[in-house]
PDB file of N, CA and C in Angstrom:
ATOM      1  N   MET A   1     -89.184  74.813 -63.302  1.00  0.00           N
ATOM      2  CA  MET A   1     -88.527  75.905 -62.641  1.00  0.00           C
ATOM      3  C   MET A   1     -88.152  75.477 -61.231  1.00  0.00           C
ATOM      4  N   SER A   2     -87.065  75.998 -60.766  1.00  0.00           N
ATOM      5  CA  SER A   2     -86.613  75.685 -59.409  1.00  0.00           C
ATOM      6  C   SER A   2     -87.366  76.557 -58.390  1.00  0.00           C
ATOM      7  N   GLU A   3     -87.582  76.004 -57.242  1.00  0.00           N
ATOM      8  CA  GLU A   3     -88.268  76.675 -56.185  1.00  0.00           C
ATOM      9  C   GLU A   3     -87.298  77.675 -55.507  1.00  0.00           C
ATOM     10  N   LYS A   4     -87.793  78.831 -55.275  1.00  0.00           N
ATOM     11  CA  LYS A   4     -86.950  79.906 -54.630  1.00  0.00           C
ATOM     12  C   LYS A   4     -86.817  79.617 -53.171  1.00  0.00           C
ATOM     13  N   LYS A   5     -85.631  79.866 -52.690  1.00  0.00           N
ATOM     14  CA  LYS A   5     -85.377  79.673 -51.240  1.00  0.00           C
ATOM     15  C   LYS A   5     -86.041  80.795 -50.431  1.00  0.00           C
ATOM     16  N   PRO A   6     -86.379  80.545 -49.163  1.00  0.00           N
ATOM     17  CA  PRO A   6     -87.065  81.571 -48.352  1.00  0.00           C
ATOM     18  C   PRO A   6     -86.077  82.691 -48.025  1.00  0.00           C
ATOM     19  N   ILE A   7     -86.645  83.838 -47.806  1.00  0.00           N
ATOM     20  CA  ILE A   7     -85.829  85.040 -47.461  1.00  0.00           C
ATOM     21  C   ILE A   7     -85.410  84.989 -46.019  1.00  0.00           C
ATOM     22  N   ASN A   8     -84.159  85.204 -45.778  1.00  0.00           N
ATOM     23  CA  ASN A   8     -83.639  85.326 -44.430  1.00  0.00           C
ATOM     24  C   ASN A   8     -83.765  86.813 -44.040  1.00  0.00           C
ATOM     25  N   TRP A   9     -84.780  87.111 -43.233  1.00  0.00           N
ATOM     26  CA  TRP A   9     -85.129  88.508 -42.957  1.00  0.00           C
ATOM     27  C   TRP A   9     -84.051  89.269 -42.162  1.00  0.00           C
ATOM     28  N   THR A  10     -83.281  88.525 -41.399  1.00  0.00           N
ATOM     29  CA  THR A  10     -82.201  89.196 -40.599  1.00  0.00           C
ATOM     30  C   THR A  10     -81.164  89.744 -41.582  1.00  0.00           C
ATOM     31  N   ASN A  11     -80.779  88.918 -42.533  1.00  0.00           N
ATOM     32  CA  ASN A  11     -79.747  89.360 -43.520  1.00  0.00           C
ATOM     33  C   ASN A  11     -80.364  90.448 -44.390  1.00  0.00           C
ATOM     34  N   ALA A  12     -81.647  90.298 -44.804  1.00  0.00           N
ATOM     35  CA  ALA A  12     -82.270  91.250 -45.689  1.00  0.00           C
ATOM     36  C   ALA A  12     -82.355  92.645 -44.977  1.00  0.00           C
ATOM     37  N   ARG A  13     -82.745  92.652 -43.684  1.00  0.00           N
ATOM     38  CA  ARG A  13     -82.759  93.930 -42.968  1.00  0.00           C
ATOM     39  C   ARG A  13     -81.406  94.559 -42.853  1.00  0.00           C
ATOM     40  N   THR A  14     -80.365  93.687 -42.670  1.00  0.00           N
ATOM     41  CA  THR A  14     -78.985  94.214 -42.603  1.00  0.00           C
ATOM     42  C   THR A  14     -78.624  94.874 -43.908  1.00  0.00           C
ATOM     43  N   LEU A  15     -78.912  94.272 -45.043  1.00  0.00           N
ATOM     44  CA  LEU A  15     -78.593  94.831 -46.372  1.00  0.00           C
ATOM     45  C   LEU A  15     -79.411  96.089 -46.648  1.00  0.00           C
ATOM     46  N   ILE A  16     -80.661  96.124 -46.236  1.00  0.00           N
ATOM     47  CA  ILE A  16     -81.476  97.332 -46.411  1.00  0.00           C
ATOM     48  C   ILE A  16     -80.883  98.499 -45.637  1.00  0.00           C
ATOM     49  N   ALA A  17     -80.531  98.270 -44.402  1.00  0.00           N
ATOM     50  CA  ALA A  17     -79.907  99.236 -43.588  1.00  0.00           C
ATOM     51  C   ALA A  17     -78.563  99.738 -44.128  1.00  0.00           C
ATOM     52  N   LEU A  18     -77.829  98.790 -44.588  1.00  0.00           N
ATOM     53  CA  LEU A  18     -76.494  99.102 -45.209  1.00  0.00           C
ATOM     54  C   LEU A  18     -76.711  99.976 -46.486  1.00  0.00           C
ATOM     55  N   ALA A  19     -77.655  99.615 -47.294  1.00  0.00           N
ATOM     56  CA  ALA A  19     -77.926 100.411 -48.501  1.00  0.00           C
ATOM     57  C   ALA A  19     -78.316 101.837 -48.158  1.00  0.00           C
ATOM     58  N   ILE A  20     -79.132 101.990 -47.132  1.00  0.00           N
ATOM     59  CA  ILE A  20     -79.539 103.339 -46.736  1.00  0.00           C
ATOM     60  C   ILE A  20     -78.371 104.083 -46.184  1.00  0.00           C
ATOM     61  N   LEU A  21     -77.586 103.535 -45.316  1.00  0.00           N
ATOM     62  CA  LEU A  21     -76.453 104.229 -44.674  1.00  0.00           C
ATOM     63  C   LEU A  21     -75.365 104.528 -45.682  1.00  0.00           C
ATOM     64  N   VAL A  22     -74.913 103.567 -46.373  1.00  0.00           N
ATOM     65  CA  VAL A  22     -73.804 103.768 -47.339  1.00  0.00           C
ATOM     66  C   VAL A  22     -74.306 104.607 -48.530  1.00  0.00           C
ATOM     67  N   GLY A  23     -75.523 104.383 -49.000  1.00  0.00           N
ATOM     68  CA  GLY A  23     -76.026 105.138 -50.127  1.00  0.00           C
ATOM     69  C   GLY A  23     -76.113 106.639 -49.781  1.00  0.00           C
ATOM     70  N   THR A  24     -76.604 106.935 -48.576  1.00  0.00           N
ATOM     71  CA  THR A  24     -76.679 108.319 -48.180  1.00  0.00           C
ATOM     72  C   THR A  24     -75.304 108.958 -48.135  1.00  0.00           C
ATOM     73  N   GLU A  25     -74.342 108.285 -47.572  1.00  0.00           N
ATOM     74  CA  GLU A  25     -73.028 108.833 -47.452  1.00  0.00           C
ATOM     75  C   GLU A  25     -72.325 109.000 -48.841  1.00  0.00           C
ATOM     76  N   LEU A  26     -72.407 107.904 -49.622  1.00  0.00           N
ATOM     77  CA  LEU A  26     -71.685 107.877 -50.893  1.00  0.00           C
ATOM     78  C   LEU A  26     -72.306 108.878 -51.909  1.00  0.00           C
ATOM     79  N   VAL A  27     -73.598 108.848 -52.040  1.00  0.00           N
ATOM     80  CA  VAL A  27     -74.250 109.740 -52.989  1.00  0.00           C
ATOM     81  C   VAL A  27     -74.191 111.216 -52.517  1.00  0.00           C
ATOM     82  N   GLY A  28     -74.350 111.414 -51.223  1.00  0.00           N
ATOM     83  CA  GLY A  28     -74.253 112.778 -50.655  1.00  0.00           C
ATOM     84  C   GLY A  28     -72.849 113.361 -50.796  1.00  0.00           C
ATOM     85  N   ALA A  29     -71.845 112.528 -50.561  1.00  0.00           N
ATOM     86  CA  ALA A  29     -70.476 113.003 -50.746  1.00  0.00           C
ATOM     87  C   ALA A  29     -70.161 113.269 -52.206  1.00  0.00           C
ATOM     88  N   SER A  30     -70.687 112.459 -53.072  1.00  0.00           N
ATOM     89  CA  SER A  30     -70.482 112.672 -54.541  1.00  0.00           C
ATOM     90  C   SER A  30     -71.125 113.962 -54.955  1.00  0.00           C
ATOM     91  N   TRP A  31     -72.336 114.208 -54.501  1.00  0.00           N
ATOM     92  CA  TRP A  31     -73.053 115.430 -54.866  1.00  0.00           C
ATOM     93  C   TRP A  31     -72.323 116.659 -54.318  1.00  0.00           C
ATOM     94  N   ALA A  32     -71.824 116.543 -53.071  1.00  0.00           N
ATOM     95  CA  ALA A  32     -71.102 117.643 -52.470  1.00  0.00           C
ATOM     96  C   ALA A  32     -69.797 117.946 -53.214  1.00  0.00           C
ATOM     97  N   ALA A  33     -69.167 116.858 -53.704  1.00  0.00           N
ATOM     98  CA  ALA A  33     -67.917 117.010 -54.480  1.00  0.00           C
ATOM     99  C   ALA A  33     -68.184 117.791 -55.787  1.00  0.00           C
ATOM    100  N   GLY A  34     -69.242 117.439 -56.493  1.00  0.00           N
ATOM    101  CA  GLY A  34     -69.611 118.175 -57.691  1.00  0.00           C
ATOM    102  C   GLY A  34     -69.934 119.611 -57.446  1.00  0.00           C
ATOM    103  N   TRP A  35     -70.664 119.859 -56.364  1.00  0.00           N
ATOM    104  CA  TRP A  35     -70.993 121.254 -55.987  1.00  0.00           C
ATOM    105  C   TRP A  35     -69.700 122.019 -55.613  1.00  0.00           C
ATOM    106  N   ALA A  36     -68.867 121.387 -54.807  1.00  0.00           N
ATOM    107  CA  ALA A  36     -67.649 122.072 -54.390  1.00  0.00           C
ATOM    108  C   ALA A  36     -66.667 122.408 -55.564  1.00  0.00           C
ATOM    109  N   LEU A  37     -66.538 121.457 -56.480  1.00  0.00           N
ATOM    110  CA  LEU A  37     -65.628 121.717 -57.610  1.00  0.00           C
ATOM    111  C   LEU A  37     -66.168 122.792 -58.505  1.00  0.00           C
ATOM    112  N   GLY A  38     -67.529 122.756 -58.710  1.00  0.00           N
ATOM    113  CA  GLY A  38     -68.165 123.805 -59.508  1.00  0.00           C
ATOM    114  C   GLY A  38     -67.971 125.166 -58.908  1.00  0.00           C
ATOM    115  N   GLY A  39     -68.131 125.257 -57.597  1.00  0.00           N
ATOM    116  CA  GLY A  39     -67.981 126.519 -56.896  1.00  0.00           C
ATOM    117  C   GLY A  39     -66.510 126.974 -56.779  1.00  0.00           C
ATOM    118  N   MET A  40     -65.656 126.029 -56.512  1.00  0.00           N
ATOM    119  CA  MET A  40     -64.271 126.392 -56.297  1.00  0.00           C
ATOM    120  C   MET A  40     -63.616 126.951 -57.540  1.00  0.00           C
ATOM    121  N   PHE A  41     -63.978 126.399 -58.692  1.00  0.00           N
ATOM    122  CA  PHE A  41     -63.397 126.872 -59.960  1.00  0.00           C
ATOM    123  C   PHE A  41     -64.330 127.881 -60.677  1.00  0.00           C
ATOM    124  N   GLN A  42     -65.389 128.307 -60.029  1.00  0.00           N
ATOM    125  CA  GLN A  42     -66.343 129.273 -60.523  1.00  0.00           C
ATOM    126  C   GLN A  42     -66.732 128.943 -61.968  1.00  0.00           C
ATOM    127  N   LEU A  43     -67.286 127.724 -62.133  1.00  0.00           N
ATOM    128  CA  LEU A  43     -67.605 127.240 -63.476  1.00  0.00           C
ATOM    129  C   LEU A  43     -68.988 127.658 -63.973  1.00  0.00           C
ATOM    130  N   GLY A  44     -69.750 128.273 -63.150  1.00  0.00           N
ATOM    131  CA  GLY A  44     -71.124 128.666 -63.499  1.00  0.00           C
ATOM    132  C   GLY A  44     -72.163 127.634 -63.129  1.00  0.00           C
ATOM    133  N   ALA A  45     -73.403 128.056 -63.157  1.00  0.00           N
ATOM    134  CA  ALA A  45     -74.479 127.154 -62.667  1.00  0.00           C
ATOM    135  C   ALA A  45     -74.658 125.945 -63.543  1.00  0.00           C
ATOM    136  N   THR A  46     -74.639 126.098 -64.860  1.00  0.00           N
ATOM    137  CA  THR A  46     -74.903 124.986 -65.745  1.00  0.00           C
ATOM    138  C   THR A  46     -73.785 123.927 -65.637  1.00  0.00           C
ATOM    139  N   VAL A  47     -72.552 124.322 -65.668  1.00  0.00           N
ATOM    140  CA  VAL A  47     -71.431 123.364 -65.534  1.00  0.00           C
ATOM    141  C   VAL A  47     -71.405 122.765 -64.126  1.00  0.00           C
ATOM    142  N   GLY A  48     -71.738 123.551 -63.142  1.00  0.00           N
ATOM    143  CA  GLY A  48     -71.776 123.071 -61.762  1.00  0.00           C
ATOM    144  C   GLY A  48     -72.808 122.005 -61.579  1.00  0.00           C
ATOM    145  N   HIS A  49     -74.019 122.262 -62.102  1.00  0.00           N
ATOM    146  CA  HIS A  49     -75.080 121.260 -62.048  1.00  0.00           C
ATOM    147  C   HIS A  49     -74.731 119.986 -62.832  1.00  0.00           C
ATOM    148  N   THR A  50     -74.072 120.177 -63.932  1.00  0.00           N
ATOM    149  CA  THR A  50     -73.637 119.036 -64.790  1.00  0.00           C
ATOM    150  C   THR A  50     -72.636 118.200 -63.963  1.00  0.00           C
ATOM    151  N   LEU A  51     -71.683 118.829 -63.364  1.00  0.00           N
ATOM    152  CA  LEU A  51     -70.723 118.083 -62.493  1.00  0.00           C
ATOM    153  C   LEU A  51     -71.477 117.350 -61.377  1.00  0.00           C
ATOM    154  N   GLU A  52     -72.386 117.996 -60.771  1.00  0.00           N
ATOM    155  CA  GLU A  52     -73.206 117.321 -59.657  1.00  0.00           C
ATOM    156  C   GLU A  52     -73.879 116.064 -60.159  1.00  0.00           C
ATOM    157  N   VAL A  53     -74.489 116.169 -61.357  1.00  0.00           N
ATOM    158  CA  VAL A  53     -75.155 114.991 -61.940  1.00  0.00           C
ATOM    159  C   VAL A  53     -74.177 113.892 -62.245  1.00  0.00           C
ATOM    160  N   ILE A  54     -73.027 114.251 -62.815  1.00  0.00           N
ATOM    161  CA  ILE A  54     -71.997 113.227 -63.147  1.00  0.00           C
ATOM    162  C   ILE A  54     -71.501 112.607 -61.849  1.00  0.00           C
ATOM    163  N   PHE A  55     -71.208 113.346 -60.880  1.00  0.00           N
ATOM    164  CA  PHE A  55     -70.737 112.825 -59.577  1.00  0.00           C
ATOM    165  C   PHE A  55     -71.762 111.964 -58.884  1.00  0.00           C
ATOM    166  N   ILE A  56     -73.032 112.328 -58.985  1.00  0.00           N
ATOM    167  CA  ILE A  56     -74.073 111.571 -58.366  1.00  0.00           C
ATOM    168  C   ILE A  56     -74.207 110.225 -59.075  1.00  0.00           C
ATOM    169  N   ALA A  57     -74.109 110.240 -60.421  1.00  0.00           N
ATOM    170  CA  ALA A  57     -74.169 108.978 -61.173  1.00  0.00           C
ATOM    171  C   ALA A  57     -73.020 108.028 -60.774  1.00  0.00           C
ATOM    172  N   VAL A  58     -71.815 108.631 -60.606  1.00  0.00           N
ATOM    173  CA  VAL A  58     -70.670 107.842 -60.149  1.00  0.00           C
ATOM    174  C   VAL A  58     -70.908 107.274 -58.736  1.00  0.00           C
ATOM    175  N   GLY A  59     -71.539 108.046 -57.916  1.00  0.00           N
ATOM    176  CA  GLY A  59     -71.877 107.609 -56.540  1.00  0.00           C
ATOM    177  C   GLY A  59     -72.896 106.419 -56.631  1.00  0.00           C
ATOM    178  N   PHE A  60     -73.862 106.476 -57.458  1.00  0.00           N
ATOM    179  CA  PHE A  60     -74.850 105.361 -57.573  1.00  0.00           C
ATOM    180  C   PHE A  60     -74.172 104.153 -58.131  1.00  0.00           C
ATOM    181  N   VAL A  61     -73.269 104.323 -59.094  1.00  0.00           N
ATOM    182  CA  VAL A  61     -72.562 103.120 -59.620  1.00  0.00           C
ATOM    183  C   VAL A  61     -71.671 102.521 -58.527  1.00  0.00           C
ATOM    184  N   GLY A  62     -71.025 103.335 -57.730  1.00  0.00           N
ATOM    185  CA  GLY A  62     -70.261 102.802 -56.608  1.00  0.00           C
ATOM    186  C   GLY A  62     -71.118 102.098 -55.604  1.00  0.00           C
ATOM    187  N   LEU A  63     -72.282 102.642 -55.345  1.00  0.00           N
ATOM    188  CA  LEU A  63     -73.252 101.991 -54.395  1.00  0.00           C
ATOM    189  C   LEU A  63     -73.721 100.664 -54.981  1.00  0.00           C
ATOM    190  N   TYR A  64     -73.981 100.590 -56.267  1.00  0.00           N
ATOM    191  CA  TYR A  64     -74.389  99.358 -56.890  1.00  0.00           C
ATOM    192  C   TYR A  64     -73.328  98.242 -56.679  1.00  0.00           C
ATOM    193  N   TYR A  65     -72.108  98.561 -56.974  1.00  0.00           N
ATOM    194  CA  TYR A  65     -71.040  97.541 -56.822  1.00  0.00           C
ATOM    195  C   TYR A  65     -70.810  97.204 -55.371  1.00  0.00           C
ATOM    196  N   PHE A  66     -70.930  98.158 -54.522  1.00  0.00           N
ATOM    197  CA  PHE A  66     -70.757  97.874 -53.101  1.00  0.00           C
ATOM    198  C   PHE A  66     -71.851  96.928 -52.570  1.00  0.00           C
ATOM    199  N   MET A  67     -73.113  97.141 -53.007  1.00  0.00           N
ATOM    200  CA  MET A  67     -74.210  96.321 -52.550  1.00  0.00           C
ATOM    201  C   MET A  67     -74.125  94.939 -53.193  1.00  0.00           C
ATOM    202  N   ARG A  68     -73.599  94.861 -54.403  1.00  0.00           N
ATOM    203  CA  ARG A  68     -73.397  93.459 -54.975  1.00  0.00           C
ATOM    204  C   ARG A  68     -72.430  92.713 -54.142  1.00  0.00           C
ATOM    205  N   ALA A  69     -71.330  93.335 -53.734  1.00  0.00           N
ATOM    206  CA  ALA A  69     -70.385  92.655 -52.914  1.00  0.00           C
ATOM    207  C   ALA A  69     -70.917  92.343 -51.518  1.00  0.00           C
ATOM    208  N   ALA A  70     -71.675  93.214 -50.969  1.00  0.00           N
ATOM    209  CA  ALA A  70     -72.275  92.997 -49.665  1.00  0.00           C
ATOM    210  C   ALA A  70     -73.283  91.829 -49.706  1.00  0.00           C
ATOM    211  N   ALA A  71     -74.077  91.806 -50.790  1.00  0.00           N
ATOM    212  CA  ALA A  71     -75.096  90.683 -50.933  1.00  0.00           C
ATOM    213  C   ALA A  71     -74.407  89.351 -51.146  1.00  0.00           C
ATOM    214  N   ALA A  72     -73.257  89.363 -51.776  1.00  0.00           N
ATOM    215  CA  ALA A  72     -72.471  88.103 -51.963  1.00  0.00           C
ATOM    216  C   ALA A  72     -71.967  87.554 -50.633  1.00  0.00           C
ATOM    217  N   HIS A  73     -71.597  88.474 -49.729  1.00  0.00           N
ATOM    218  CA  HIS A  73     -71.069  88.015 -48.420  1.00  0.00           C
ATOM    219  C   HIS A  73     -72.159  87.820 -47.381  1.00  0.00           C
ATOM    220  N   GLU A  74     -73.301  88.420 -47.606  1.00  0.00           N
ATOM    221  CA  GLU A  74     -74.425  88.341 -46.615  1.00  0.00           C
ATOM    222  C   GLU A  74     -75.703  88.003 -47.457  1.00  0.00           C
ATOM    223  N   PRO A  75     -75.816  86.742 -47.963  1.00  0.00           N
ATOM    224  CA  PRO A  75     -76.941  86.416 -48.817  1.00  0.00           C
ATOM    225  C   PRO A  75     -78.256  86.512 -48.079  1.00  0.00           C
ATOM    226  N   PHE A  76     -79.285  87.037 -48.716  1.00  0.00           N
ATOM    227  CA  PHE A  76     -80.541  87.197 -48.059  1.00  0.00           C
ATOM    228  C   PHE A  76     -81.510  86.018 -48.371  1.00  0.00           C
ATOM    229  N   ARG A  77     -81.065  85.122 -49.164  1.00  0.00           N
ATOM    230  CA  ARG A  77     -81.860  83.835 -49.407  1.00  0.00           C
ATOM    231  C   ARG A  77     -81.000  82.709 -48.911  1.00  0.00           C
ATOM    232  N   ASN A  78     -81.624  81.851 -48.103  1.00  0.00           N
ATOM    233  CA  ASN A  78     -80.791  80.749 -47.507  1.00  0.00           C
ATOM    234  C   ASN A  78     -80.461  79.667 -48.498  1.00  0.00           C
TER     235      ASN A  78
END
């Protein structure tokens, strides 16, 4: 087995902060979009909550791909 490289804590802290900041914004905006569409079109509570869950899932998928790209540009292992 190959030996793992040490963690570069400066880059790791940057990526953690980025995940918190972007994750809050992206998932929060996705949730709000689902809530707004459900309310705007008066779709009812069940459909509105379903839209919220779908939009939140899309937000998490977007966050996943964003963090993959960020980790590729700012590697946390030297």
